[in-house]
Amino acid sequence: MAHSPKWLNTLVLLLAALLGGCASVPPAGLSFDTSHPAVSQGSRVRYLIIHYTALDMPTSMRVLTEQAVSSHYLVDEDPAPRIYLLVDESRRANHAGVSSWKTDTNLNSSSIGIEIVNLGMRKGPDGPVWFPFPQSQIDKVIALVREITQRHGITPERVLGHSDIAPQRKQDPGPYFPWKQLADAGLVQWPDAAQVAQRMQVFEASPPPVAWYQSKLSTHGFAVPQSGVIDEATRTVIAALQMKYRPSNYAGGMDAETAAILDVLTMLSLK
């Protein structure tokens, strides 16, 4: 690409300033003394949110770059996954939508979004059909999550899925996303299996009421009704929890294993 002469660039800038009328122009030559950085500071980024696109690669790229929805990163699929930076981390991407976790809401403003190219879920004659994630793609995701969380100081309990922060609207990244691999890499909070087995015995003998589930789900971070009634919204949130921590059965039912997982997770949340 040819470069314009320096005098022409200067002329264009001067004309733009004149045409701008009263528009403010940044002062030239302003300098800053950076020798006294404040101790009390940190990244504005508090969460990392993982999604699937539910689209093929070309459509994913078009939607995320040309429409209202966007994401900081897009991870391609096989045979040679690539990571695309679509929105600079210093800027807000529109990936989370109406969302919440614990007391935080509208997480677009405090999160980094990773979209993974995956067809998601399709309705089949015998129920939903989910599409797996190639291991090479997951390896890229793990490397990316590790790099982002280390740089911003994002703790494992704040690495979440879209279905965590918007369970009534979203199911991504779905039951085939291998959260346990991220947990084994120290990137995601995970309940200890021995503690879950121990708590299961307690809940098999004495199943907790609906209000207990709703309270525990809220403590963990979900937005969930506190009605004491097993309504559709509560079942949906339970299913979101199961899809992440027990993907073999995410029907949204209240059972001893789900109660044990939730109990151990909330003990971690309170630490």
C-alpha atoms as a PDB file:
ATOM      1  CA  MET A   1       0.000   0.000   0.000  1.00  0.00           C
ATOM      2  CA  ALA A   2       1.449   3.424  -1.049  1.00  0.00           C
ATOM      3  CA  HIS A   3       2.110   6.026   1.665  1.00  0.00           C
ATOM      4  CA  SER A   4       1.019   9.687   1.390  1.00  0.00           C
ATOM      5  CA  PRO A   5       3.670  12.442   1.746  1.00  0.00           C
ATOM      6  CA  LYS A   6       4.040  13.781   5.273  1.00  0.00           C
ATOM      7  CA  TRP A   7       2.933  17.300   4.216  1.00  0.00           C
ATOM      8  CA  LEU A   8      -0.303  15.878   2.812  1.00  0.00           C
ATOM      9  CA  ASN A   9      -1.089  14.008   6.044  1.00  0.00           C
ATOM     10  CA  THR A  10      -0.533  17.231   8.000  1.00  0.00           C
ATOM     11  CA  LEU A  11      -2.828  19.161   5.665  1.00  0.00           C
ATOM     12  CA  VAL A  12      -5.580  16.568   6.044  1.00  0.00           C
ATOM     13  CA  LEU A  13      -5.347  16.773   9.846  1.00  0.00           C
ATOM     14  CA  LEU A  14      -5.509  20.590   9.768  1.00  0.00           C
ATOM     15  CA  LEU A  15      -8.561  20.564   7.487  1.00  0.00           C
ATOM     16  CA  ALA A  16     -10.279  18.014   9.734  1.00  0.00           C
ATOM     17  CA  ALA A  17      -9.680  20.248  12.757  1.00  0.00           C
ATOM     18  CA  LEU A  18     -11.081  23.293  10.962  1.00  0.00           C
ATOM     19  CA  LEU A  19     -14.137  21.423   9.732  1.00  0.00           C
ATOM     20  CA  GLY A  20     -14.706  20.087  13.214  1.00  0.00           C
ATOM     21  CA  GLY A  21     -15.492  23.592  14.490  1.00  0.00           C
ATOM     22  CA  CYS A  22     -15.682  23.413  18.259  1.00  0.00           C
ATOM     23  CA  ALA A  23     -14.710  19.729  18.436  1.00  0.00           C
ATOM     24  CA  SER A  24     -12.053  19.144  21.076  1.00  0.00           C
ATOM     25  CA  VAL A  25      -8.521  18.343  19.924  1.00  0.00           C
ATOM     26  CA  PRO A  26      -6.116  16.514  22.265  1.00  0.00           C
ATOM     27  CA  PRO A  27      -3.303  18.813  23.406  1.00  0.00           C
ATOM     28  CA  ALA A  28      -0.042  18.244  21.609  1.00  0.00           C
ATOM     29  CA  GLY A  29       3.147  17.478  23.494  1.00  0.00           C
ATOM     30  CA  LEU A  30       1.452  16.581  26.780  1.00  0.00           C
ATOM     31  CA  SER A  31       3.704  14.426  28.963  1.00  0.00           C
ATOM     32  CA  PHE A  32       3.077  12.411  32.113  1.00  0.00           C
ATOM     33  CA  ASP A  33       5.240  11.524  35.078  1.00  0.00           C
ATOM     34  CA  THR A  34       4.758   7.795  35.693  1.00  0.00           C
ATOM     35  CA  SER A  35       7.278   7.435  38.494  1.00  0.00           C
ATOM     36  CA  HIS A  36       4.626   7.097  41.244  1.00  0.00           C
ATOM     37  CA  PRO A  37       2.277   4.202  40.351  1.00  0.00           C
ATOM     38  CA  ALA A  38      -0.506   3.569  42.883  1.00  0.00           C
ATOM     39  CA  VAL A  39      -0.365   0.361  44.880  1.00  0.00           C
ATOM     40  CA  SER A  40      -4.164   0.035  44.838  1.00  0.00           C
ATOM     41  CA  GLN A  41      -4.908  -0.914  41.244  1.00  0.00           C
ATOM     42  CA  GLY A  42      -5.702  -3.913  39.080  1.00  0.00           C
ATOM     43  CA  SER A  43      -7.237  -5.068  35.834  1.00  0.00           C
ATOM     44  CA  ARG A  44     -10.777  -3.967  35.015  1.00  0.00           C
ATOM     45  CA  VAL A  45     -11.347  -7.520  33.733  1.00  0.00           C
ATOM     46  CA  ARG A  46     -12.839  -9.795  36.396  1.00  0.00           C
ATOM     47  CA  TYR A  47     -14.399 -12.629  34.355  1.00  0.00           C
ATOM     48  CA  LEU A  48     -13.623 -14.821  31.385  1.00  0.00           C
ATOM     49  CA  ILE A  49     -16.694 -16.188  29.591  1.00  0.00           C
ATOM     50  CA  ILE A  50     -16.594 -19.181  27.218  1.00  0.00           C
ATOM     51  CA  HIS A  51     -19.109 -19.625  24.389  1.00  0.00           C
ATOM     52  CA  TYR A  52     -19.689 -21.726  21.307  1.00  0.00           C
ATOM     53  CA  THR A  53     -20.784 -19.989  18.115  1.00  0.00           C
ATOM     54  CA  ALA A  54     -23.414 -22.571  16.986  1.00  0.00           C
ATOM     55  CA  LEU A  55     -22.240 -21.680  13.468  1.00  0.00           C
ATOM     56  CA  ASP A  56     -19.609 -22.772  10.972  1.00  0.00           C
ATOM     57  CA  MET A  57     -16.348 -20.838  10.730  1.00  0.00           C
ATOM     58  CA  PRO A  58     -17.169 -18.444   7.850  1.00  0.00           C
ATOM     59  CA  THR A  59     -20.550 -17.546   9.356  1.00  0.00           C
ATOM     60  CA  SER A  60     -19.040 -17.198  12.836  1.00  0.00           C
ATOM     61  CA  MET A  61     -16.471 -14.710  11.548  1.00  0.00           C
ATOM     62  CA  ARG A  62     -19.069 -12.709   9.640  1.00  0.00           C
ATOM     63  CA  VAL A  63     -21.502 -12.520  12.565  1.00  0.00           C
ATOM     64  CA  LEU A  64     -18.847 -11.619  15.135  1.00  0.00           C
ATOM     65  CA  THR A  65     -17.273  -8.899  13.007  1.00  0.00           C
ATOM     66  CA  GLU A  66     -20.210  -7.418  11.083  1.00  0.00           C
ATOM     67  CA  GLN A  67     -23.197  -7.621  13.436  1.00  0.00           C
ATOM     68  CA  ALA A  68     -24.185  -6.369  16.897  1.00  0.00           C
ATOM     69  CA  VAL A  69     -22.711  -9.375  18.697  1.00  0.00           C
ATOM     70  CA  SER A  70     -18.941  -9.596  19.116  1.00  0.00           C
ATOM     71  CA  SER A  71     -16.245 -11.347  21.123  1.00  0.00           C
ATOM     72  CA  HIS A  72     -12.656 -10.634  22.014  1.00  0.00           C
ATOM     73  CA  TYR A  73     -11.431 -13.964  20.656  1.00  0.00           C
ATOM     74  CA  LEU A  74     -12.587 -16.570  18.163  1.00  0.00           C
ATOM     75  CA  VAL A  75     -11.014 -20.045  18.197  1.00  0.00           C
ATOM     76  CA  ASP A  76     -11.236 -21.896  14.875  1.00  0.00           C
ATOM     77  CA  GLU A  77     -11.766 -25.636  14.484  1.00  0.00           C
ATOM     78  CA  ASP A  78      -9.708 -28.482  12.981  1.00  0.00           C
ATOM     79  CA  PRO A  79      -7.474 -29.333  11.259  1.00  0.00           C
ATOM     80  CA  ALA A  80      -5.318 -26.341  12.232  1.00  0.00           C
ATOM     81  CA  PRO A  81      -7.076 -24.212  14.858  1.00  0.00           C
ATOM     82  CA  ARG A  82      -6.237 -20.522  14.853  1.00  0.00           C
ATOM     83  CA  ILE A  83      -7.007 -17.882  17.476  1.00  0.00           C
ATOM     84  CA  TYR A  84      -8.410 -14.626  16.103  1.00  0.00           C
ATOM     85  CA  LEU A  85      -8.341 -11.404  18.112  1.00  0.00           C
ATOM     86  CA  LEU A  86     -11.517  -9.563  17.069  1.00  0.00           C
ATOM     87  CA  VAL A  87     -11.856  -6.966  19.849  1.00  0.00           C
ATOM     88  CA  ASP A  88      -8.923  -5.514  21.774  1.00  0.00           C
ATOM     89  CA  GLU A  89      -9.028  -6.477  25.441  1.00  0.00           C
ATOM     90  CA  SER A  90      -9.049  -2.807  26.407  1.00  0.00           C
ATOM     91  CA  ARG A  91     -12.472  -2.482  24.755  1.00  0.00           C
ATOM     92  CA  ARG A  92     -15.845  -4.018  25.553  1.00  0.00           C
ATOM     93  CA  ALA A  93     -17.163  -6.830  23.371  1.00  0.00           C
ATOM     94  CA  ASN A  94     -20.872  -7.626  23.207  1.00  0.00           C
ATOM     95  CA  HIS A  95     -20.788 -11.328  23.998  1.00  0.00           C
ATOM     96  CA  ALA A  96     -22.537 -11.802  27.356  1.00  0.00           C
ATOM     97  CA  GLY A  97     -25.822  -9.940  26.888  1.00  0.00           C
ATOM     98  CA  VAL A  98     -28.190  -9.782  29.839  1.00  0.00           C
ATOM     99  CA  SER A  99     -26.106 -11.624  32.413  1.00  0.00           C
ATOM    100  CA  SER A 100     -25.182 -11.926  36.069  1.00  0.00           C
ATOM    101  CA  TRP A 101     -22.964 -13.814  38.477  1.00  0.00           C
ATOM    102  CA  LYS A 102     -23.288 -13.385  42.217  1.00  0.00           C
ATOM    103  CA  THR A 103     -23.800  -9.633  42.696  1.00  0.00           C
ATOM    104  CA  ASP A 104     -22.332  -8.570  39.338  1.00  0.00           C
ATOM    105  CA  THR A 105     -24.554  -7.832  36.360  1.00  0.00           C
ATOM    106  CA  ASN A 106     -24.106  -6.851  32.709  1.00  0.00           C
ATOM    107  CA  LEU A 107     -20.842  -8.746  32.464  1.00  0.00           C
ATOM    108  CA  ASN A 108     -19.860  -7.350  29.070  1.00  0.00           C
ATOM    109  CA  SER A 109     -18.235  -4.477  30.944  1.00  0.00           C
ATOM    110  CA  SER A 110     -16.075  -6.647  33.192  1.00  0.00           C
ATOM    111  CA  SER A 111     -15.263  -9.722  31.114  1.00  0.00           C
ATOM    112  CA  ILE A 112     -13.338 -11.125  28.185  1.00  0.00           C
ATOM    113  CA  GLY A 113     -15.272 -13.364  25.815  1.00  0.00           C
ATOM    114  CA  ILE A 114     -13.969 -16.403  23.951  1.00  0.00           C
ATOM    115  CA  GLU A 115     -16.117 -17.813  21.152  1.00  0.00           C
ATOM    116  CA  ILE A 116     -15.334 -21.358  19.969  1.00  0.00           C
ATOM    117  CA  VAL A 117     -16.387 -22.463  16.506  1.00  0.00           C
ATOM    118  CA  ASN A 118     -18.774 -25.345  17.148  1.00  0.00           C
ATOM    119  CA  LEU A 119     -22.212 -26.145  15.744  1.00  0.00           C
ATOM    120  CA  GLY A 120     -23.613 -26.481  19.238  1.00  0.00           C
ATOM    121  CA  MET A 121     -26.924 -28.293  19.433  1.00  0.00           C
ATOM    122  CA  ARG A 122     -29.334 -29.438  16.761  1.00  0.00           C
ATOM    123  CA  LYS A 123     -32.709 -31.048  17.325  1.00  0.00           C
ATOM    124  CA  GLY A 124     -32.793 -34.678  16.242  1.00  0.00           C
ATOM    125  CA  PRO A 125     -35.612 -37.244  16.078  1.00  0.00           C
ATOM    126  CA  ASP A 126     -34.521 -38.717  19.420  1.00  0.00           C
ATOM    127  CA  GLY A 127     -33.681 -35.456  21.160  1.00  0.00           C
ATOM    128  CA  PRO A 128     -30.880 -32.889  21.061  1.00  0.00           C
ATOM    129  CA  VAL A 129     -27.708 -33.679  19.125  1.00  0.00           C
ATOM    130  CA  TRP A 130     -24.528 -31.975  20.338  1.00  0.00           C
ATOM    131  CA  PHE A 131     -21.284 -31.571  18.415  1.00  0.00           C
ATOM    132  CA  PRO A 132     -17.936 -32.497  20.000  1.00  0.00           C
ATOM    133  CA  PHE A 133     -14.904 -30.233  20.291  1.00  0.00           C
ATOM    134  CA  PRO A 134     -11.702 -31.486  18.613  1.00  0.00           C
ATOM    135  CA  GLN A 135      -8.892 -31.911  21.143  1.00  0.00           C
ATOM    136  CA  SER A 136      -6.596 -29.664  19.111  1.00  0.00           C
ATOM    137  CA  GLN A 137      -9.174 -26.908  19.463  1.00  0.00           C
ATOM    138  CA  ILE A 138      -9.495 -27.470  23.216  1.00  0.00           C
ATOM    139  CA  ASP A 139      -5.705 -27.331  23.556  1.00  0.00           C
ATOM    140  CA  LYS A 140      -5.794 -23.860  21.972  1.00  0.00           C
ATOM    141  CA  VAL A 141      -8.613 -22.784  24.280  1.00  0.00           C
ATOM    142  CA  ILE A 142      -6.744 -23.973  27.381  1.00  0.00           C
ATOM    143  CA  ALA A 143      -3.602 -22.120  26.318  1.00  0.00           C
ATOM    144  CA  LEU A 144      -5.624 -18.965  25.663  1.00  0.00           C
ATOM    145  CA  VAL A 145      -7.519 -19.173  28.960  1.00  0.00           C
ATOM    146  CA  ARG A 146      -4.265 -19.700  30.857  1.00  0.00           C
ATOM    147  CA  GLU A 147      -2.632 -16.678  29.225  1.00  0.00           C
ATOM    148  CA  ILE A 148      -5.620 -14.367  29.813  1.00  0.00           C
ATOM    149  CA  THR A 149      -6.270 -15.406  33.408  1.00  0.00           C
ATOM    150  CA  GLN A 150      -2.624 -15.017  34.384  1.00  0.00           C
ATOM    151  CA  ARG A 151      -2.353 -11.598  32.800  1.00  0.00           C
ATOM    152  CA  HIS A 152      -5.533 -10.221  34.371  1.00  0.00           C
ATOM    153  CA  GLY A 153      -5.455 -12.163  37.636  1.00  0.00           C
ATOM    154  CA  ILE A 154      -8.799 -13.858  36.933  1.00  0.00           C
ATOM    155  CA  THR A 155      -9.426 -16.527  39.564  1.00  0.00           C
ATOM    156  CA  PRO A 156     -10.770 -20.017  38.647  1.00  0.00           C
ATOM    157  CA  GLU A 157     -14.260 -19.340  40.063  1.00  0.00           C
ATOM    158  CA  ARG A 158     -14.608 -16.504  37.548  1.00  0.00           C
ATOM    159  CA  VAL A 159     -13.899 -18.592  34.447  1.00  0.00           C
ATOM    160  CA  LEU A 160     -17.470 -19.344  33.386  1.00  0.00           C
ATOM    161  CA  GLY A 161     -19.680 -20.467  30.559  1.00  0.00           C
ATOM    162  CA  HIS A 162     -22.443 -18.460  28.910  1.00  0.00           C
ATOM    163  CA  SER A 163     -24.885 -20.925  30.478  1.00  0.00           C
ATOM    164  CA  ASP A 164     -23.604 -19.952  33.938  1.00  0.00           C
ATOM    165  CA  ILE A 165     -24.241 -16.240  33.568  1.00  0.00           C
ATOM    166  CA  ALA A 166     -27.440 -16.475  31.477  1.00  0.00           C
ATOM    167  CA  PRO A 167     -28.939 -19.926  32.181  1.00  0.00           C
ATOM    168  CA  GLN A 168     -32.473 -19.036  31.115  1.00  0.00           C
ATOM    169  CA  ARG A 169     -31.275 -17.990  27.649  1.00  0.00           C
ATOM    170  CA  LYS A 170     -28.108 -19.901  26.835  1.00  0.00           C
ATOM    171  CA  GLN A 171     -26.713 -23.433  26.929  1.00  0.00           C
ATOM    172  CA  ASP A 172     -23.241 -22.856  25.541  1.00  0.00           C
ATOM    173  CA  PRO A 173     -20.625 -24.156  25.643  1.00  0.00           C
ATOM    174  CA  GLY A 174     -22.800 -27.267  26.183  1.00  0.00           C
ATOM    175  CA  PRO A 175     -22.318 -30.729  27.714  1.00  0.00           C
ATOM    176  CA  TYR A 176     -19.471 -31.728  25.371  1.00  0.00           C
ATOM    177  CA  PHE A 177     -17.210 -28.901  26.444  1.00  0.00           C
ATOM    178  CA  PRO A 178     -14.539 -30.554  28.639  1.00  0.00           C
ATOM    179  CA  TRP A 179     -14.590 -28.323  31.701  1.00  0.00           C
ATOM    180  CA  LYS A 180     -12.733 -31.011  33.651  1.00  0.00           C
ATOM    181  CA  GLN A 181      -9.694 -30.542  31.411  1.00  0.00           C
ATOM    182  CA  LEU A 182      -9.638 -26.855  32.315  1.00  0.00           C
ATOM    183  CA  ALA A 183     -10.049 -27.786  35.977  1.00  0.00           C
ATOM    184  CA  ASP A 184      -7.125 -30.222  35.756  1.00  0.00           C
ATOM    185  CA  ALA A 185      -5.063 -27.357  34.344  1.00  0.00           C
ATOM    186  CA  GLY A 186      -5.967 -25.267  37.401  1.00  0.00           C
ATOM    187  CA  LEU A 187      -8.105 -22.834  35.404  1.00  0.00           C
ATOM    188  CA  VAL A 188     -11.625 -23.664  36.637  1.00  0.00           C
ATOM    189  CA  GLN A 189     -13.136 -24.310  40.054  1.00  0.00           C
ATOM    190  CA  TRP A 190     -14.063 -27.989  40.503  1.00  0.00           C
ATOM    191  CA  PRO A 191     -15.643 -30.018  43.333  1.00  0.00           C
ATOM    192  CA  ASP A 192     -13.457 -32.648  44.970  1.00  0.00           C
ATOM    193  CA  ALA A 193     -14.714 -36.125  43.974  1.00  0.00           C
ATOM    194  CA  ALA A 194     -14.113 -37.652  47.416  1.00  0.00           C
ATOM    195  CA  GLN A 195     -16.065 -34.887  49.127  1.00  0.00           C
ATOM    196  CA  VAL A 196     -18.911 -35.273  46.614  1.00  0.00           C
ATOM    197  CA  ALA A 197     -19.095 -39.028  47.292  1.00  0.00           C
ATOM    198  CA  GLN A 198     -19.179 -38.403  51.039  1.00  0.00           C
ATOM    199  CA  ARG A 199     -21.928 -35.771  50.800  1.00  0.00           C
ATOM    200  CA  MET A 200     -23.979 -38.011  48.484  1.00  0.00           C
ATOM    201  CA  GLN A 201     -24.502 -40.490  51.295  1.00  0.00           C
ATOM    202  CA  VAL A 202     -25.951 -37.746  53.457  1.00  0.00           C
ATOM    203  CA  PHE A 203     -28.346 -36.516  50.775  1.00  0.00           C
ATOM    204  CA  GLU A 204     -29.442 -40.023  49.808  1.00  0.00           C
ATOM    205  CA  ALA A 205     -30.579 -40.510  53.391  1.00  0.00           C
ATOM    206  CA  SER A 206     -32.113 -37.044  53.707  1.00  0.00           C
ATOM    207  CA  PRO A 207     -32.910 -35.237  50.415  1.00  0.00           C
ATOM    208  CA  PRO A 208     -32.868 -31.448  50.779  1.00  0.00           C
ATOM    209  CA  PRO A 209     -35.953 -29.342  49.953  1.00  0.00           C
ATOM    210  CA  VAL A 210     -36.349 -27.065  46.926  1.00  0.00           C
ATOM    211  CA  ALA A 211     -35.548 -23.972  48.983  1.00  0.00           C
ATOM    212  CA  TRP A 212     -32.158 -25.494  49.897  1.00  0.00           C
ATOM    213  CA  TYR A 213     -31.295 -25.948  46.192  1.00  0.00           C
ATOM    214  CA  GLN A 214     -32.369 -22.412  45.356  1.00  0.00           C
ATOM    215  CA  SER A 215     -30.331 -20.942  48.196  1.00  0.00           C
ATOM    216  CA  LYS A 216     -27.230 -22.963  47.307  1.00  0.00           C
ATOM    217  CA  LEU A 217     -27.521 -22.147  43.596  1.00  0.00           C
ATOM    218  CA  SER A 218     -27.678 -18.453  44.466  1.00  0.00           C
ATOM    219  CA  THR A 219     -24.661 -18.741  46.775  1.00  0.00           C
ATOM    220  CA  HIS A 220     -22.722 -20.430  44.002  1.00  0.00           C
ATOM    221  CA  GLY A 221     -23.486 -17.509  41.684  1.00  0.00           C
ATOM    222  CA  PHE A 222     -26.597 -18.278  39.640  1.00  0.00           C
ATOM    223  CA  ALA A 223     -29.595 -15.972  39.325  1.00  0.00           C
ATOM    224  CA  VAL A 224     -32.433 -18.239  40.475  1.00  0.00           C
ATOM    225  CA  PRO A 225     -35.883 -17.756  42.084  1.00  0.00           C
ATOM    226  CA  GLN A 226     -36.032 -18.104  45.876  1.00  0.00           C
ATOM    227  CA  SER A 227     -39.650 -19.308  45.973  1.00  0.00           C
ATOM    228  CA  GLY A 228     -39.278 -22.723  47.564  1.00  0.00           C
ATOM    229  CA  VAL A 229     -41.167 -24.109  44.543  1.00  0.00           C
ATOM    230  CA  ILE A 230     -39.612 -26.305  41.841  1.00  0.00           C
ATOM    231  CA  ASP A 231     -40.536 -24.154  38.860  1.00  0.00           C
ATOM    232  CA  GLU A 232     -39.187 -24.250  35.300  1.00  0.00           C
ATOM    233  CA  ALA A 233     -36.638 -21.503  35.959  1.00  0.00           C
ATOM    234  CA  THR A 234     -35.141 -23.482  38.861  1.00  0.00           C
ATOM    235  CA  ARG A 235     -34.994 -26.678  36.805  1.00  0.00           C
ATOM    236  CA  THR A 236     -33.199 -24.768  34.048  1.00  0.00           C
ATOM    237  CA  VAL A 237     -30.549 -23.504  36.455  1.00  0.00           C
ATOM    238  CA  ILE A 238     -30.075 -26.986  37.933  1.00  0.00           C
ATOM    239  CA  ALA A 239     -29.638 -28.313  34.397  1.00  0.00           C
ATOM    240  CA  ALA A 240     -26.988 -25.660  33.716  1.00  0.00           C
ATOM    241  CA  LEU A 241     -25.079 -26.770  36.811  1.00  0.00           C
ATOM    242  CA  GLN A 242     -25.368 -30.439  35.805  1.00  0.00           C
ATOM    243  CA  MET A 243     -24.327 -29.762  32.211  1.00  0.00           C
ATOM    244  CA  LYS A 244     -21.056 -28.350  33.475  1.00  0.00           C
ATOM    245  CA  TYR A 245     -20.232 -30.677  36.382  1.00  0.00           C
ATOM    246  CA  ARG A 246     -22.189 -33.836  35.478  1.00  0.00           C
ATOM    247  CA  PRO A 247     -22.752 -33.779  31.705  1.00  0.00           C
ATOM    248  CA  SER A 248     -23.885 -37.418  31.607  1.00  0.00           C
ATOM    249  CA  ASN A 249     -27.252 -36.381  33.056  1.00  0.00           C
ATOM    250  CA  TYR A 250     -28.452 -32.786  32.851  1.00  0.00           C
ATOM    251  CA  ALA A 251     -32.231 -33.254  32.981  1.00  0.00           C
ATOM    252  CA  GLY A 252     -32.587 -30.673  35.759  1.00  0.00           C
ATOM    253  CA  GLY A 253     -33.749 -33.118  38.417  1.00  0.00           C
ATOM    254  CA  MET A 254     -32.976 -32.850  42.125  1.00  0.00           C
ATOM    255  CA  ASP A 255     -30.961 -35.902  43.165  1.00  0.00           C
ATOM    256  CA  ALA A 256     -28.315 -36.779  45.734  1.00  0.00           C
ATOM    257  CA  GLU A 257     -25.350 -36.396  43.395  1.00  0.00           C
ATOM    258  CA  THR A 258     -26.466 -32.958  42.221  1.00  0.00           C
ATOM    259  CA  ALA A 259     -27.025 -31.869  45.820  1.00  0.00           C
ATOM    260  CA  ALA A 260     -23.560 -33.135  46.777  1.00  0.00           C
ATOM    261  CA  ILE A 261     -21.874 -31.317  43.875  1.00  0.00           C
ATOM    262  CA  LEU A 262     -23.707 -28.128  44.753  1.00  0.00           C
ATOM    263  CA  ASP A 263     -22.889 -28.433  48.443  1.00  0.00           C
ATOM    264  CA  VAL A 264     -19.157 -28.883  47.795  1.00  0.00           C
ATOM    265  CA  LEU A 265     -19.116 -26.027  45.272  1.00  0.00           C
ATOM    266  CA  THR A 266     -20.741 -23.628  47.687  1.00  0.00           C
ATOM    267  CA  MET A 267     -18.228 -24.566  50.372  1.00  0.00           C
ATOM    268  CA  LEU A 268     -15.528 -23.540  47.873  1.00  0.00           C
ATOM    269  CA  SER A 269     -17.400 -20.319  47.107  1.00  0.00           C
ATOM    270  CA  LEU A 270     -17.460 -19.351  50.786  1.00  0.00           C
ATOM    271  CA  LYS A 271     -13.713 -19.786  51.272  1.00  0.00           C
END
